[in-house]
């Protein structure tokens, strides 16, 4: 409600992941829920995600399945590639659709790589 005036048809919703639930207890994991805004929006609590190369995994499924998707990326996909996770940048997801009732969602998991 607080940010409704900043929503436009071009608004992008993101989630920045700060912790790994395989290492950090789920109740202690930190996530930033974000939305795109113009640089001149006047809000104080804004940040800019640094650009760069990312591995992008399109996810379509339910919220309870996201952890498994991340584990597949880190445990199966990455070991088979030459990509190295860029630890200086945050892992994030770009949300395209979320059904609040069923928790079905469509998003892109973005893993920054060097």
Protein backbone atom coordinates (compact mmCIF):
# COMPACT_ATOMS: atom_id res chain seq x y z
CA UNK A 1 0.00 0.00 0.00
CA UNK A 2 2.79 2.39 0.96
CA UNK A 3 4.43 2.16 -2.48
CA UNK A 4 1.30 1.94 -4.65
CA UNK A 5 1.97 5.39 -6.15
CA UNK A 6 5.27 4.08 -7.58
CA UNK A 7 3.72 1.15 -9.47
CA UNK A 8 3.61 1.41 -13.24
CA UNK A 9 3.01 -1.06 -16.04
CA UNK A 10 6.81 -1.40 -16.29
CA UNK A 11 7.38 -2.17 -12.58
CA UNK A 12 9.49 -5.28 -12.00
CA UNK A 13 9.29 -7.20 -8.72
CA UNK A 14 12.46 -8.83 -7.43
CA UNK A 15 13.65 -10.80 -4.45
CA UNK A 16 17.28 -10.49 -3.39
CA UNK A 17 18.55 -13.53 -1.52
CA UNK A 18 21.06 -12.93 1.25
CA UNK A 19 21.24 -16.37 2.90
CA UNK A 20 21.35 -20.03 1.92
CA UNK A 21 18.64 -22.05 3.71
CA UNK A 22 20.93 -25.10 3.46
CA UNK A 23 23.33 -23.29 5.81
CA UNK A 24 21.15 -20.76 7.65
CA UNK A 25 18.06 -21.82 9.59
CA UNK A 26 15.00 -20.91 7.48
CA UNK A 27 13.56 -18.56 10.12
CA UNK A 28 16.84 -16.58 10.08
CA UNK A 29 17.20 -16.25 6.29
CA UNK A 30 17.19 -12.70 5.02
CA UNK A 31 15.49 -11.71 1.77
CA UNK A 32 14.86 -8.25 0.32
CA UNK A 33 11.58 -7.86 -1.54
CA UNK A 34 12.10 -5.16 -4.12
CA UNK A 35 10.40 -3.30 -6.93
CA UNK A 36 11.91 -1.24 -9.68
CA UNK A 37 11.56 2.53 -9.40
CA UNK A 38 12.99 5.50 -11.25
CA UNK A 39 16.29 6.93 -10.00
CA UNK A 40 14.56 10.20 -9.17
CA UNK A 41 11.69 8.63 -7.19
CA UNK A 42 12.67 10.38 -3.96
CA UNK A 43 12.52 7.27 -1.77
CA UNK A 44 15.27 6.84 0.81
CA UNK A 45 15.42 3.05 0.97
CA UNK A 46 16.63 2.26 -2.55
CA UNK A 47 19.58 0.41 -3.97
CA UNK A 48 20.84 -0.44 -7.41
CA UNK A 49 21.66 -4.04 -8.26
CA UNK A 50 25.00 -4.06 -10.06
CA UNK A 51 24.90 -5.36 -13.61
CA UNK A 52 26.90 -8.20 -15.02
CA UNK A 53 26.62 -11.73 -16.33
CA UNK A 54 24.04 -14.05 -14.74
CA UNK A 55 22.90 -17.61 -15.21
CA UNK A 56 19.12 -17.32 -15.54
CA UNK A 57 16.89 -20.27 -14.67
CA UNK A 58 13.19 -19.89 -15.55
CA UNK A 59 11.15 -21.42 -12.72
CA UNK A 60 7.47 -22.34 -13.00
CA UNK A 61 6.04 -24.12 -10.00
CA UNK A 62 4.96 -23.76 -6.40
CA UNK A 63 6.68 -21.89 -3.59
CA UNK A 64 7.51 -25.16 -1.80
CA UNK A 65 9.52 -26.26 -4.87
CA UNK A 66 11.84 -23.24 -5.10
CA UNK A 67 14.37 -24.60 -2.60
CA UNK A 68 14.72 -27.74 -4.75
CA UNK A 69 15.31 -25.60 -7.85
CA UNK A 70 18.11 -23.69 -6.12
CA UNK A 71 19.67 -26.93 -4.89
CA UNK A 72 19.57 -28.38 -8.40
CA UNK A 73 21.31 -25.29 -9.74
CA UNK A 74 24.05 -25.37 -7.11
CA UNK A 75 24.47 -29.15 -6.74
CA UNK A 76 23.93 -30.35 -10.32
CA UNK A 77 24.18 -27.49 -12.83
CA UNK A 78 27.14 -25.46 -11.54
CA UNK A 79 29.51 -28.42 -11.05
CA UNK A 80 29.01 -29.30 -14.73
CA UNK A 81 29.88 -25.82 -16.02
CA UNK A 82 32.86 -23.52 -15.92
CA UNK A 83 30.81 -20.77 -14.26
CA UNK A 84 31.92 -19.41 -10.91
CA UNK A 85 29.39 -17.68 -8.66
CA UNK A 86 30.22 -14.00 -8.22
CA UNK A 87 30.09 -13.67 -4.43
CA UNK A 88 30.32 -9.86 -4.65
CA UNK A 89 26.80 -9.70 -6.14
CA UNK A 90 23.49 -10.96 -4.78
CA UNK A 91 21.48 -13.87 -6.08
CA UNK A 92 18.04 -12.56 -7.04
CA UNK A 93 14.78 -13.60 -8.64
CA UNK A 94 12.60 -11.65 -11.04
CA UNK A 95 8.92 -12.39 -10.46
CA UNK A 96 6.61 -12.59 -13.46
CA UNK A 97 3.50 -14.06 -11.84
CA UNK A 98 2.36 -15.21 -8.38
CA UNK A 99 -0.99 -16.77 -7.53
CA UNK A 100 -1.56 -15.82 -3.90
CA UNK A 101 -4.07 -18.63 -3.29
CA UNK A 102 -2.20 -21.62 -4.69
CA UNK A 103 1.33 -20.11 -4.35
CA UNK A 104 2.04 -21.08 -7.96
CA UNK A 105 4.62 -18.73 -9.42
CA UNK A 106 6.66 -17.97 -12.48
CA UNK A 107 10.02 -16.30 -11.99
CA UNK A 108 13.60 -16.17 -13.22
CA UNK A 109 16.27 -17.22 -10.73
CA UNK A 110 19.34 -15.09 -11.51
CA UNK A 111 22.74 -16.27 -10.32
CA UNK A 112 25.55 -13.76 -10.85
CA UNK A 113 28.63 -15.36 -12.38
CA UNK A 114 32.15 -14.34 -13.32
